[in-house]
Amino acid sequence: MDITGADTGNPSALGRQTWSGALLGATLEDVQTAVVVVDEDGYIVWANGAAQTKLGRRLEELRGQDLHDLLHRDRHGHATPRTRCPLRKALLARRTQHGDSEWFARGDGTLVQMSWLVAPRSSGSEGAGALVLLYESNQGVPDVMDGGINDAPAPLTELDRLALLAETTTQLTSTLDVDEALRRLAALTVPRLADWAVIDLLTEQDEVRRALVTEHKDGILVERDDLQGPMPPVPEESPMPLSRALRGAASSLAGPATYQGAPDSGIAVEQGRLFAETGMHSAVIAPIRGLRDVLGALTLGRSKRPGAFTAADLPLLEDITRRAGLALDNARLYQRQRKVAETMQRHLLPQLPTVPGVDMTARYVPAPHASSVGGDWYDVFALTDSSHALAVGDVVGHDLDAAAGMAQVRNMLRAFTWSQPEAMPSAVVTQLDNAVKHIAEVPMVTMILATLARGDDELWQLRWTNAGHPPPLLVSHDGRARYLTDAHGILLGTGVIRPRPDVFTVLPPRTTLLLYTDGLVESPHHSIDRGLDRLRRHAASLAHRPLDSFCDLLLERVRPGDNDDDVAMLALRTPACA
């Protein structure tokens, strides 16, 4: 059995195929339980026949893929966030852990519910990693492989209704993402109450958008993109159910006959089309109200189950939409604040200047659970006609306070550097350190300051100093990568006075220089040395990529999934010839 063939079409899979020579022998192939073998980063190395059958995927489709990203889902079929996935955390922390009744995506798009067990493998000559055992959960779950639920759910008892409302509150208040809240609302009501869920939202400009149309089909929820999109405006006097709901009137019943007459508005035309396309024979429509305004409307429709909605169903629907309105209000407020924060961050981080002959790009990624701003920054600006200053740094924290401190430090650094264009980087950083202690409201700062200039031989020259920051990475065009570990000095803000070194180097043609912050390489479960080694190896493999692709792929492949810090990157590449 050949289990060591490399997937040359997938760079992330290279180097992962020699992990398992002796381990992945006939023994695991004969095991009837689904077994997936992953490497130390959670990428699939091998899977036995039982796993391939259970997951509906060939080995070639599995090998080299991130197990969590490819397979793990929530009960609604959505990818689970990396930072909240217990399976991924167990893999990265290399601990034995068991999980009950979770959902995994098959190759045909359907879901299968299985329990899992992570069994880490000790480091050795073949590397570290883990076995992941997947086995059936026997808890009366509908068999989605046999076409889903064939019988209509039984009517809800009063206890069922209370449980549904409690789950609605929990599900909708645990996310601040509007789109995710809408998907959860649909999953809470379909198929429990209906075969279809339709959510129309009012924008801040009072325009109507059909944000989500979801159908229960073959045991899973399917979004109907063809029925979503912009809608006509809300008519002021229309008595039709959706128009009334979008004006904040009480909930009401509807059916195909409701929209069979001459339409009184564009919305009525769209509603007639909706009933025709979905085959709904009965529907209930209720407004979604926020604290001050109407946010939209929820339509639940039945097409497959025979029973029609009645007036007795309206109070439950109104209770659900009342909770949905509060959750959407909070999510919209958060997104408005996030937009303000992102605008602030864009103004804090500069536009890169044009340096003739040098390709240059930068990236900033906020911390996953912060306010979209943070203390990481990059900067490039002209000193003279022939030289530029490069900087990357990190103020402790990833919130608005850190961003404000970062702005102070960056602006002082610009002023000190520009006013002394001939000064050594170490002298400027020493001056900045003294100012930070007395002026800036920041605890500690790490940074690199460098000057880039073209020498008399037309080669680009770099002079830099490092104040407690991860070292710059130099990558040659032929794939050799090394860290510039000289010029390392103490970080800013400690109050300790020590000499700061400067180092000079020549950048050969087609060389890539990468400056970055620790969020790219640091993980709470592994040493930073491991992160630096991953960065070096991946950067070397991407040496021929265009600079934008180089940076994007490094973020995708190197940044740890359990990292909770923001990331700033600045990359430049010298021309092919002087």
Protein backbone atom coordinates (compact mmCIF):
# COMPACT_ATOMS: atom_id res chain seq x y z
CA MET A 1 0.00 0.00 0.00
CA ASP A 2 1.52 3.33 -1.09
CA ILE A 3 0.97 5.89 1.62
CA THR A 4 3.92 8.20 1.08
CA GLY A 5 3.20 9.74 -2.30
CA ALA A 6 3.60 13.52 -2.23
CA ASP A 7 0.85 15.80 -3.52
CA THR A 8 2.93 18.09 -5.69
CA GLY A 9 -0.09 20.10 -6.72
CA ASN A 10 -0.71 21.18 -3.13
CA PRO A 11 2.31 22.97 -1.61
CA SER A 12 0.78 22.71 1.86
CA ALA A 13 0.93 18.95 1.54
CA LEU A 14 4.60 18.75 0.61
CA GLY A 15 6.78 17.44 3.36
CA ARG A 16 3.82 15.80 5.11
CA GLN A 17 3.93 12.50 3.28
CA THR A 18 6.96 10.87 4.92
CA TRP A 19 5.44 11.15 8.41
CA SER A 20 3.76 7.82 8.47
CA GLY A 21 5.79 5.05 6.83
CA ALA A 22 5.78 2.37 9.53
CA LEU A 23 2.74 3.61 11.40
CA LEU A 24 0.30 3.59 8.50
CA GLY A 25 0.57 -0.05 7.59
CA ALA A 26 -1.98 -2.72 6.98
CA THR A 27 -3.06 -2.67 10.65
CA LEU A 28 -4.90 0.65 10.37
CA GLU A 29 -6.26 -0.23 6.96
CA ASP A 30 -7.90 -3.31 8.47
CA VAL A 31 -9.49 -1.32 11.32
CA GLN A 32 -13.23 -0.96 10.71
CA THR A 33 -13.42 2.35 12.58
CA ALA A 34 -12.70 5.47 10.49
CA VAL A 35 -9.13 6.58 11.21
CA VAL A 36 -7.64 9.85 9.96
CA VAL A 37 -3.96 10.59 10.55
CA VAL A 38 -2.87 14.23 10.81
CA ASP A 39 0.49 15.91 11.20
CA GLU A 40 1.47 18.33 13.97
CA ASP A 41 -0.32 21.23 12.22
CA GLY A 42 -3.62 19.40 11.78
CA TYR A 43 -3.18 18.57 8.09
CA ILE A 44 -4.38 15.16 6.91
CA VAL A 45 -1.58 12.74 6.06
CA TRP A 46 -3.58 9.56 5.53
CA ALA A 47 -7.02 8.01 6.04
CA ASN A 48 -8.03 4.37 6.06
CA GLY A 49 -10.72 2.88 3.84
CA ALA A 50 -13.38 3.16 6.52
CA ALA A 51 -12.73 6.90 6.83
CA GLN A 52 -12.84 7.40 3.07
CA THR A 53 -16.17 5.59 2.92
CA LYS A 54 -17.64 7.37 5.92
CA LEU A 55 -16.59 10.81 4.64
CA GLY A 56 -17.39 10.12 1.00
CA ARG A 57 -13.95 11.30 -0.10
CA ARG A 58 -11.00 9.60 -1.77
CA LEU A 59 -7.60 9.70 -0.13
CA GLU A 60 -6.36 12.16 -2.78
CA GLU A 61 -9.15 14.56 -1.76
CA LEU A 62 -8.23 14.33 1.91
CA ARG A 63 -4.43 14.30 1.87
CA GLY A 64 -2.79 17.68 2.52
CA GLN A 65 -6.03 19.35 3.66
CA ASP A 66 -6.63 20.94 7.05
CA LEU A 67 -8.90 18.46 8.87
CA HIS A 68 -10.88 21.18 10.64
CA ASP A 69 -11.41 23.39 7.60
CA LEU A 70 -12.35 20.53 5.28
CA LEU A 71 -14.54 18.39 7.51
CA HIS A 72 -15.71 19.92 10.79
CA ARG A 73 -19.11 21.68 10.77
CA ASP A 74 -21.78 22.83 13.18
CA ARG A 75 -25.25 21.29 13.11
CA HIS A 76 -26.35 23.83 10.51
CA GLY A 77 -23.60 22.82 8.09
CA HIS A 78 -21.50 25.94 8.70
CA ALA A 79 -17.75 25.86 9.35
CA THR A 80 -17.00 26.13 13.05
CA PRO A 81 -14.65 28.98 14.06
CA ARG A 82 -11.10 27.73 14.45
CA THR A 83 -10.62 29.46 17.80
CA ARG A 84 -13.66 27.70 19.29
CA CYS A 85 -13.12 24.22 17.88
CA PRO A 86 -12.27 21.68 20.64
CA LEU A 87 -11.06 19.12 18.08
CA ARG A 88 -8.55 21.54 16.54
CA LYS A 89 -7.42 22.71 19.98
CA ALA A 90 -6.80 19.10 21.02
CA LEU A 91 -4.74 18.49 17.86
CA LEU A 92 -2.59 21.60 18.30
CA ALA A 93 -2.16 21.07 22.06
CA ARG A 94 -1.31 17.39 21.40
CA ARG A 95 -3.64 16.08 24.10
CA THR A 96 -5.95 13.08 24.17
CA GLN A 97 -9.54 14.27 23.98
CA HIS A 98 -12.98 12.93 23.10
CA GLY A 99 -15.94 14.73 21.55
CA ASP A 100 -19.55 13.52 21.27
CA SER A 101 -22.02 13.81 18.43
CA GLU A 102 -20.48 16.48 16.21
CA TRP A 103 -21.06 17.10 12.53
CA PHE A 104 -18.70 16.39 9.64
CA ALA A 105 -19.08 17.25 5.95
CA ARG A 106 -19.09 14.47 3.37
CA GLY A 107 -17.80 14.90 -0.13
CA ASP A 108 -21.35 15.18 -1.52
CA GLY A 109 -22.22 18.11 0.76
CA THR A 110 -24.35 16.14 3.23
CA LEU A 111 -23.54 15.95 6.93
CA VAL A 112 -22.83 12.93 9.10
CA GLN A 113 -22.88 13.02 12.90
CA MET A 114 -20.00 11.24 14.59
CA SER A 115 -18.07 11.22 17.82
CA TRP A 116 -14.30 11.68 17.71
CA LEU A 117 -11.23 10.74 19.66
CA VAL A 118 -7.84 12.46 19.27
CA ALA A 119 -4.85 10.29 20.18
CA PRO A 120 -1.55 12.23 19.90
CA ARG A 121 1.55 10.55 18.55
CA SER A 122 4.88 11.23 20.27
CA SER A 123 7.57 13.10 18.40
CA GLY A 124 10.20 10.90 16.87
CA SER A 125 12.07 10.28 13.71
CA GLU A 126 8.85 10.50 11.71
CA GLY A 127 7.55 13.69 13.33
CA ALA A 128 4.63 14.44 15.62
CA GLY A 129 0.93 14.29 14.90
CA ALA A 130 -2.18 12.40 15.95
CA LEU A 131 -4.72 9.75 15.08
CA VAL A 132 -8.32 10.96 14.85
CA LEU A 133 -10.91 8.20 15.23
CA LEU A 134 -14.41 8.96 13.90
CA TYR A 135 -17.32 6.70 14.79
CA GLU A 136 -21.12 6.77 14.58
CA SER A 137 -23.11 8.62 17.21
CA ASN A 138 -26.09 6.51 18.24
CA GLN A 139 -28.49 9.05 19.68
CA GLY A 140 -31.55 8.74 17.47
CA VAL A 141 -30.33 11.26 14.93
CA PRO A 142 -32.15 11.27 11.54
CA ASP A 143 -30.23 9.36 8.87
CA VAL A 144 -29.32 12.14 6.43
CA MET A 145 -27.74 9.56 4.13
CA ASP A 146 -31.18 8.06 3.45
CA GLY A 147 -32.75 11.28 2.29
CA GLY A 148 -33.33 13.09 5.55
CA ILE A 149 -36.57 13.38 7.48
CA ASN A 150 -39.51 11.88 5.67
CA ASP A 151 -42.20 12.38 8.30
CA ALA A 152 -43.41 15.82 9.39
CA PRO A 153 -42.28 16.70 12.93
CA ALA A 154 -44.88 16.29 15.62
CA PRO A 155 -46.61 19.48 16.84
CA LEU A 156 -44.66 21.35 19.47
CA THR A 157 -45.68 20.93 23.08
CA GLU A 158 -45.59 23.86 25.46
CA LEU A 159 -42.30 22.55 26.81
CA ASP A 160 -40.97 22.36 23.23
CA ARG A 161 -41.97 25.98 22.64
CA LEU A 162 -40.21 27.16 25.79
CA ALA A 163 -37.11 25.17 24.85
CA LEU A 164 -37.15 26.67 21.35
CA LEU A 165 -37.37 30.21 22.71
CA ALA A 166 -34.54 29.53 25.15
CA GLU A 167 -32.39 28.11 22.35
CA THR A 168 -33.26 31.09 20.14
CA THR A 169 -32.05 33.48 22.81
CA THR A 170 -28.84 31.52 23.35
CA GLN A 171 -28.05 31.03 19.68
CA LEU A 172 -28.79 34.57 18.51
CA THR A 173 -27.14 36.44 21.37
CA SER A 174 -23.90 34.45 21.06
CA THR A 175 -22.91 36.02 17.74
CA LEU A 176 -22.33 39.61 16.66
CA ASP A 177 -22.22 38.77 12.97
CA VAL A 178 -25.47 39.70 11.20
CA ASP A 179 -25.19 37.04 8.48
CA GLU A 180 -24.42 34.33 11.02
CA ALA A 181 -27.39 35.46 13.16
CA LEU A 182 -29.68 35.15 10.11
CA ARG A 183 -28.42 31.64 9.34
CA ARG A 184 -28.97 30.61 12.95
CA LEU A 185 -32.49 32.04 12.92
CA ALA A 186 -33.31 30.01 9.82
CA ALA A 187 -31.81 26.84 11.33
CA LEU A 188 -33.83 27.31 14.53
CA THR A 189 -37.13 27.42 12.65
CA VAL A 190 -36.50 25.06 9.71
CA PRO A 191 -37.46 22.20 9.70
CA ARG A 192 -38.83 22.45 13.23
CA LEU A 193 -41.65 24.82 12.24
CA ALA A 194 -41.53 25.12 8.47
CA ASP A 195 -39.94 23.98 5.21
CA TRP A 196 -38.80 27.47 4.22
CA ALA A 197 -37.42 30.52 6.03
CA VAL A 198 -37.27 33.89 4.28
CA ILE A 199 -35.69 36.92 5.95
CA ASP A 200 -36.11 40.43 4.53
CA LEU A 201 -34.09 43.26 6.06
CA LEU A 202 -34.44 47.04 5.96
CA THR A 203 -31.17 48.89 5.46
CA GLU A 204 -30.30 52.14 7.19
CA GLN A 205 -31.41 53.87 3.97
CA ASP A 206 -34.86 52.18 4.25
CA GLU A 207 -34.13 49.94 1.28
CA VAL A 208 -35.31 46.32 1.39
CA ARG A 209 -32.98 43.39 0.87
CA ARG A 210 -34.04 39.75 0.77
CA ALA A 211 -31.10 38.66 2.88
CA LEU A 212 -31.73 34.93 3.21
CA VAL A 213 -33.96 32.27 1.65
CA THR A 214 -33.40 28.80 3.10
CA GLU A 215 -35.03 25.50 2.15
CA HIS A 216 -34.97 22.19 4.01
CA LYS A 217 -34.03 19.64 1.36
CA ASP A 218 -32.72 16.10 1.67
CA GLY A 219 -32.01 16.51 5.36
CA ILE A 220 -29.94 19.70 5.12
CA LEU A 221 -30.54 23.45 4.82
CA VAL A 222 -29.96 24.87 1.37
CA GLU A 223 -29.66 28.59 0.63
CA ARG A 224 -31.48 29.73 -2.50
CA ASP A 225 -29.25 32.47 -3.89
CA ASP A 226 -31.57 32.86 -6.90
CA LEU A 227 -34.34 34.13 -4.62
CA GLN A 228 -32.19 36.51 -2.60
CA GLY A 229 -31.17 40.08 -3.39
CA PRO A 230 -32.59 43.62 -3.54
CA MET A 231 -36.34 44.17 -3.22
CA PRO A 232 -38.69 47.02 -4.24
CA PRO A 233 -39.39 49.73 -1.62
CA VAL A 234 -42.03 49.32 1.08
CA PRO A 235 -45.37 50.85 -0.02
CA GLU A 236 -46.90 53.16 2.57
CA GLU A 237 -50.51 52.03 2.33
CA SER A 238 -50.37 48.43 1.07
CA PRO A 239 -52.47 45.97 3.15
CA MET A 240 -50.43 42.97 1.96
CA PRO A 241 -48.81 40.90 4.76
CA LEU A 242 -45.10 41.50 3.99
CA SER A 243 -45.60 45.23 3.38
CA ARG A 244 -47.46 45.55 6.69
CA ALA A 245 -44.78 43.56 8.54
CA LEU A 246 -42.00 45.78 7.15
CA ARG A 247 -43.92 48.81 8.45
CA GLY A 248 -44.07 47.18 11.90
CA ALA A 249 -47.66 45.92 11.88
CA ALA A 250 -48.69 42.70 13.61
CA SER A 251 -47.88 39.27 12.22
CA SER A 252 -50.29 37.61 9.83
CA LEU A 253 -51.03 34.50 7.78
CA ALA A 254 -50.50 34.28 4.02
CA GLY A 255 -50.80 31.84 1.16
CA PRO A 256 -50.62 31.69 -2.64
CA ALA A 257 -54.14 33.15 -2.88
CA THR A 258 -52.96 36.23 -1.00
CA TYR A 259 -50.91 37.32 -4.00
CA GLN A 260 -53.04 35.98 -6.86
CA GLY A 261 -54.85 39.23 -7.55
CA ALA A 262 -53.50 42.32 -9.25
CA PRO A 263 -50.32 43.30 -7.34
CA ASP A 264 -50.47 46.65 -5.57
CA SER A 265 -46.67 47.11 -5.42
CA GLY A 266 -43.33 45.74 -6.53
CA ILE A 267 -43.04 43.83 -3.25
CA ALA A 268 -46.32 42.07 -4.01
CA VAL A 269 -44.91 41.00 -7.37
CA GLU A 270 -41.82 39.54 -5.67
CA GLN A 271 -43.97 37.77 -3.08
CA GLY A 272 -46.08 36.18 -5.80
CA ARG A 273 -42.86 34.95 -7.43
CA LEU A 274 -41.64 33.59 -4.09
CA PHE A 275 -44.78 31.51 -3.53
CA ALA A 276 -44.64 30.22 -7.12
CA GLU A 277 -40.94 29.26 -6.93
CA THR A 278 -41.07 27.63 -3.50
CA GLY A 279 -44.44 25.90 -3.73
CA MET A 280 -45.40 27.21 -0.29
CA HIS A 281 -49.09 26.57 0.43
CA SER A 282 -49.09 28.29 3.83
CA ALA A 283 -46.95 30.97 5.45
CA VAL A 284 -46.71 33.21 8.49
CA ILE A 285 -45.06 36.62 8.30
CA ALA A 286 -43.92 38.64 11.33
CA PRO A 287 -41.98 41.90 11.75
CA ILE A 288 -38.48 41.85 13.24
CA ARG A 289 -38.38 44.85 15.57
CA GLY A 290 -35.33 46.40 17.18
CA LEU A 291 -35.35 48.72 20.17
CA ARG A 292 -36.31 51.74 18.07
CA ASP A 293 -36.97 50.67 14.49
CA VAL A 294 -38.33 47.84 12.38
CA LEU A 295 -35.35 45.85 11.12
CA GLY A 296 -37.12 43.49 8.74
CA ALA A 297 -39.51 40.56 8.56
CA LEU A 298 -39.42 36.78 8.92
CA THR A 299 -41.52 34.56 6.65
CA LEU A 300 -41.90 30.87 7.47
CA GLY A 301 -43.49 28.73 4.78
CA ARG A 302 -44.70 25.15 4.40
CA SER A 303 -44.55 23.35 1.07
CA LYS A 304 -43.98 19.65 1.86
CA ARG A 305 -45.85 19.13 5.11
CA PRO A 306 -49.61 19.24 4.68
CA GLY A 307 -50.68 21.19 7.76
CA ALA A 308 -51.31 24.92 7.30
CA PHE A 309 -50.27 27.58 9.77
CA THR A 310 -53.05 28.93 11.99
CA ALA A 311 -53.52 31.98 14.18
CA ALA A 312 -52.36 29.85 17.11
CA ASP A 313 -48.86 29.81 15.58
CA LEU A 314 -48.52 33.61 15.53
CA PRO A 315 -47.60 34.21 19.22
CA LEU A 316 -44.64 31.80 19.01
CA LEU A 317 -43.41 33.43 15.80
CA GLU A 318 -43.68 36.89 17.39
CA ASP A 319 -41.70 35.70 20.41
CA ILE A 320 -38.98 34.39 18.08
CA THR A 321 -38.79 37.58 16.00
CA ARG A 322 -38.73 39.72 19.16
CA ARG A 323 -35.58 37.92 20.25
CA ALA A 324 -34.19 38.07 16.73
CA GLY A 325 -34.74 41.83 16.67
CA LEU A 326 -32.74 42.40 19.84
CA ALA A 327 -29.91 40.18 18.57
CA LEU A 328 -29.80 41.90 15.17
CA ASP A 329 -29.85 45.31 16.86
CA ASN A 330 -26.77 44.33 18.87
CA ALA A 331 -25.05 42.84 15.83
CA ARG A 332 -25.69 45.96 13.73
CA LEU A 333 -24.43 48.22 16.51
CA TYR A 334 -21.28 46.10 16.76
CA GLN A 335 -20.76 46.22 13.01
CA ARG A 336 -21.15 50.01 13.00
CA GLN A 337 -18.54 50.26 15.76
CA ARG A 338 -16.33 47.82 13.85
CA LYS A 339 -16.64 49.96 10.72
CA VAL A 340 -15.57 53.02 12.71
CA ALA A 341 -12.62 51.05 14.08
CA GLU A 342 -11.63 49.81 10.62
CA THR A 343 -11.81 53.36 9.25
CA MET A 344 -9.59 54.49 12.11
CA GLN A 345 -7.12 51.71 11.39
CA ARG A 346 -6.97 52.59 7.68
CA HIS A 347 -6.08 56.16 8.58
CA LEU A 348 -3.49 55.05 11.12
CA LEU A 349 -1.71 52.75 8.64
CA PRO A 350 -0.13 54.64 5.75
CA GLN A 351 -0.30 54.26 2.00
CA LEU A 352 3.01 52.86 0.79
CA PRO A 353 5.14 55.23 -1.29
CA THR A 354 6.56 54.29 -4.66
CA VAL A 355 10.21 53.31 -4.48
CA PRO A 356 11.55 53.14 -8.07
CA GLY A 357 12.64 49.60 -8.93
CA VAL A 358 11.46 48.05 -5.65
CA ASP A 359 8.27 46.04 -5.34
CA MET A 360 6.59 46.65 -1.99
CA THR A 361 3.39 45.56 -0.23
CA ALA A 362 1.97 45.39 3.31
CA ARG A 363 -0.77 43.62 5.23
CA TYR A 364 -2.63 44.22 8.49
CA VAL A 365 -4.95 41.60 10.03
CA PRO A 366 -6.76 42.46 13.30
CA ALA A 367 -6.96 40.12 16.26
CA PRO A 368 -9.86 37.63 15.82
CA HIS A 369 -11.81 38.76 18.88
CA ALA A 370 -10.73 42.38 19.19
CA SER A 371 -12.17 45.61 17.82
CA SER A 372 -10.43 45.47 14.42
CA VAL A 373 -7.67 47.79 15.57
CA GLY A 374 -4.54 47.09 17.53
CA GLY A 375 -1.01 48.04 18.38
CA ASP A 376 0.79 46.49 15.39
CA TRP A 377 1.91 48.82 12.64
CA TYR A 378 4.14 49.24 9.61
CA ASP A 379 5.46 52.40 7.97
CA VAL A 380 7.49 53.46 4.94
CA PHE A 381 8.40 57.05 4.10
CA ALA A 382 11.04 58.97 2.15
CA LEU A 383 14.04 60.44 3.97
CA THR A 384 15.88 61.85 0.95
CA ASP A 385 15.56 61.50 -2.81
CA SER A 386 17.57 58.28 -2.61
CA SER A 387 16.66 56.72 0.75
CA HIS A 388 13.55 55.55 2.59
CA ALA A 389 12.79 54.58 6.17
CA LEU A 390 11.11 51.21 6.89
CA ALA A 391 9.51 50.38 10.21
CA VAL A 392 7.38 47.67 11.75
CA GLY A 393 6.39 47.57 15.41
CA ASP A 394 4.09 46.30 18.10
CA VAL A 395 2.59 48.19 21.02
CA VAL A 396 1.34 45.80 23.70
CA GLY A 397 -2.40 45.11 23.32
CA HIS A 398 -4.92 44.77 20.51
CA ASP A 399 -7.69 47.25 21.24
CA LEU A 400 -8.41 50.96 20.82
CA ASP A 401 -5.97 51.90 23.59
CA ALA A 402 -3.20 50.00 21.83
CA ALA A 403 -4.11 51.65 18.53
CA ALA A 404 -3.98 55.11 20.11
CA GLY A 405 -0.60 54.32 21.68
CA MET A 406 0.63 52.98 18.37
CA ALA A 407 -0.36 56.25 16.65
CA GLN A 408 1.66 58.22 19.23
CA VAL A 409 4.74 56.06 18.80
CA ARG A 410 4.55 55.96 15.02
CA ASN A 411 4.14 59.72 14.70
CA MET A 412 7.07 60.41 17.03
CA LEU A 413 9.20 57.93 15.10
CA ARG A 414 8.35 59.66 11.83
CA ALA A 415 9.26 63.05 13.25
CA PHE A 416 12.56 61.91 14.76
CA THR A 417 13.59 59.95 11.66
CA TRP A 418 12.64 62.58 9.10
CA SER A 419 14.34 65.38 11.02
CA GLN A 420 17.61 63.38 11.06
CA PRO A 421 17.81 61.69 7.65
CA GLU A 422 21.52 60.92 8.05
CA ALA A 423 21.24 59.53 11.59
CA MET A 424 21.82 55.84 12.30
CA PRO A 425 18.60 53.90 13.04
CA SER A 426 19.91 53.06 16.52
CA ALA A 427 20.25 56.74 17.41
CA VAL A 428 16.68 57.45 16.33
CA VAL A 429 15.32 54.48 18.28
CA THR A 430 17.26 55.54 21.38
CA GLN A 431 15.69 58.99 21.11
CA LEU A 432 12.27 57.42 20.66
CA ASP A 433 12.77 55.16 23.69
CA ASN A 434 13.50 58.19 25.83
CA ALA A 435 10.37 59.94 24.52
CA VAL A 436 8.19 56.87 25.08
CA LYS A 437 9.12 56.82 28.77
CA HIS A 438 8.13 60.46 29.28
CA ILE A 439 5.45 61.28 26.69
CA ALA A 440 3.65 58.32 25.18
CA GLU A 441 1.03 56.42 27.18
CA VAL A 442 2.22 52.96 26.22
CA PRO A 443 3.71 50.22 28.44
CA MET A 444 6.19 48.56 26.07
CA VAL A 445 7.02 48.61 22.39
CA THR A 446 9.01 46.32 20.10
CA MET A 447 10.08 47.51 16.67
CA ILE A 448 12.54 47.44 13.80
CA LEU A 449 13.73 50.62 12.11
CA ALA A 450 15.67 50.37 8.86
CA THR A 451 16.88 52.61 6.07
CA LEU A 452 16.82 51.46 2.45
CA ALA A 453 19.07 53.13 -0.11
CA ARG A 454 20.70 52.35 -3.44
CA GLY A 455 24.50 52.17 -3.30
CA ASP A 456 27.08 53.37 -5.79
CA ASP A 457 27.11 49.86 -7.30
CA GLU A 458 23.36 50.18 -7.93
CA LEU A 459 22.62 47.44 -5.39
CA TRP A 460 20.09 48.11 -2.64
CA GLN A 461 21.50 48.47 0.87
CA LEU A 462 19.75 47.95 4.20
CA ARG A 463 20.82 49.35 7.58
CA TRP A 464 18.71 48.48 10.59
CA THR A 465 18.37 48.15 14.34
CA ASN A 466 16.07 45.83 16.24
CA ALA A 467 14.36 46.74 19.53
CA GLY A 468 13.17 43.38 20.91
CA HIS A 469 11.26 42.46 17.77
CA PRO A 470 11.11 39.19 15.78
CA PRO A 471 14.03 39.26 13.29
CA PRO A 472 13.65 40.27 9.62
CA LEU A 473 13.54 37.42 7.13
CA LEU A 474 15.61 37.52 3.93
CA VAL A 475 14.57 35.17 1.10
CA SER A 476 16.68 34.76 -2.02
CA HIS A 477 15.11 34.08 -5.40
CA ASP A 478 16.46 30.52 -5.37
CA GLY A 479 14.59 29.72 -2.13
CA ARG A 480 17.26 30.20 0.54
CA ALA A 481 15.82 31.91 3.60
CA ARG A 482 17.65 33.23 6.65
CA TYR A 483 16.86 35.50 9.56
CA LEU A 484 18.81 38.71 10.13
CA THR A 485 19.50 38.10 13.81
CA ASP A 486 22.14 40.79 14.26
CA ALA A 487 21.35 44.30 15.55
CA HIS A 488 19.15 42.88 18.30
CA GLY A 489 18.63 45.27 21.21
CA ILE A 490 16.28 45.70 24.15
CA LEU A 491 12.64 46.68 23.62
CA LEU A 492 11.35 50.21 24.27
CA GLY A 493 9.80 51.36 27.53
CA THR A 494 11.82 49.28 30.01
CA GLY A 495 13.74 52.20 31.49
CA VAL A 496 17.01 50.30 30.95
CA ILE A 497 19.69 52.17 29.01
CA ARG A 498 21.87 49.98 26.80
CA PRO A 499 23.74 50.60 23.54
CA ARG A 500 21.74 49.73 20.44
CA PRO A 501 23.63 48.18 17.50
CA ASP A 502 23.23 48.95 13.79
CA VAL A 503 23.88 46.39 11.07
CA PHE A 504 24.43 46.92 7.36
CA THR A 505 23.77 44.44 4.57
CA VAL A 506 23.46 44.44 0.79
CA LEU A 507 20.24 43.04 -0.71
CA PRO A 508 21.04 40.96 -3.82
CA PRO A 509 18.82 41.22 -6.90
CA ARG A 510 15.39 39.56 -6.65
CA THR A 511 15.70 39.24 -2.87
CA THR A 512 12.57 39.43 -0.69
CA LEU A 513 12.77 41.17 2.70
CA LEU A 514 9.96 40.47 5.16
CA LEU A 515 9.28 42.50 8.31
CA TYR A 516 6.40 41.22 10.47
CA THR A 517 4.95 41.21 13.98
CA ASP A 518 4.77 38.26 16.36
CA GLY A 519 1.10 37.52 15.59
CA LEU A 520 2.32 35.78 12.43
CA VAL A 521 4.42 33.20 14.30
CA GLU A 522 3.35 33.07 17.93
CA SER A 523 1.04 30.41 19.37
CA PRO A 524 -0.03 29.83 22.98
CA HIS A 525 0.61 26.10 22.52
CA HIS A 526 4.02 26.11 20.83
CA SER A 527 7.32 27.92 21.15
CA ILE A 528 8.01 30.93 18.98
CA ASP A 529 11.02 29.06 17.58
CA ARG A 530 8.61 26.61 15.99
CA GLY A 531 6.63 29.46 14.49
CA LEU A 532 9.79 31.09 13.12
CA ASP A 533 10.84 27.80 11.56
CA ARG A 534 7.42 27.42 9.89
CA LEU A 535 7.66 30.96 8.53
CA ARG A 536 11.16 30.36 7.15
CA ARG A 537 10.18 27.13 5.40
CA HIS A 538 6.99 28.49 3.88
CA ALA A 539 8.64 31.74 2.80
CA ALA A 540 11.37 29.77 1.04
CA SER A 541 8.78 27.69 -0.81
CA LEU A 542 7.03 30.87 -2.00
CA ALA A 543 10.14 32.68 -3.19
CA HIS A 544 8.97 32.74 -6.83
CA ARG A 545 5.47 33.99 -6.05
CA PRO A 546 4.44 37.59 -6.81
CA LEU A 547 4.82 39.68 -3.69
CA ASP A 548 1.07 40.07 -3.00
CA SER A 549 0.55 36.33 -3.35
CA PHE A 550 3.65 35.73 -1.21
CA CYS A 551 2.14 37.71 1.68
CA ASP A 552 -1.39 36.33 1.36
CA LEU A 553 -0.21 32.73 1.34
CA LEU A 554 2.08 33.29 4.31
CA LEU A 555 -0.88 34.62 6.30
CA GLU A 556 -2.96 31.62 5.24
CA ARG A 557 -0.33 28.94 5.90
CA VAL A 558 1.79 30.27 8.74
CA ARG A 559 -0.44 32.24 11.08
CA PRO A 560 -1.40 29.82 13.91
CA GLY A 561 -5.08 28.96 14.08
CA ASP A 562 -5.08 29.45 17.86
CA ASN A 563 -3.42 32.87 17.61
CA ASP A 564 -5.36 35.74 19.21
CA ASP A 565 -3.11 38.64 18.18
CA ASP A 566 -3.12 41.09 15.31
CA VAL A 567 -0.55 40.87 12.50
CA ALA A 568 1.33 43.52 10.52
CA MET A 569 3.57 42.60 7.57
CA LEU A 570 5.80 44.68 5.32
CA ALA A 571 7.51 42.99 2.36
CA LEU A 572 9.75 44.33 -0.37
CA ARG A 573 11.56 42.75 -3.30
CA THR A 574 14.59 44.14 -5.08
CA PRO A 575 14.65 44.29 -8.91
CA ALA A 576 16.16 41.57 -11.07
CA CYS A 577 19.11 43.68 -12.05
CA ALA A 578 20.54 47.02 -11.04
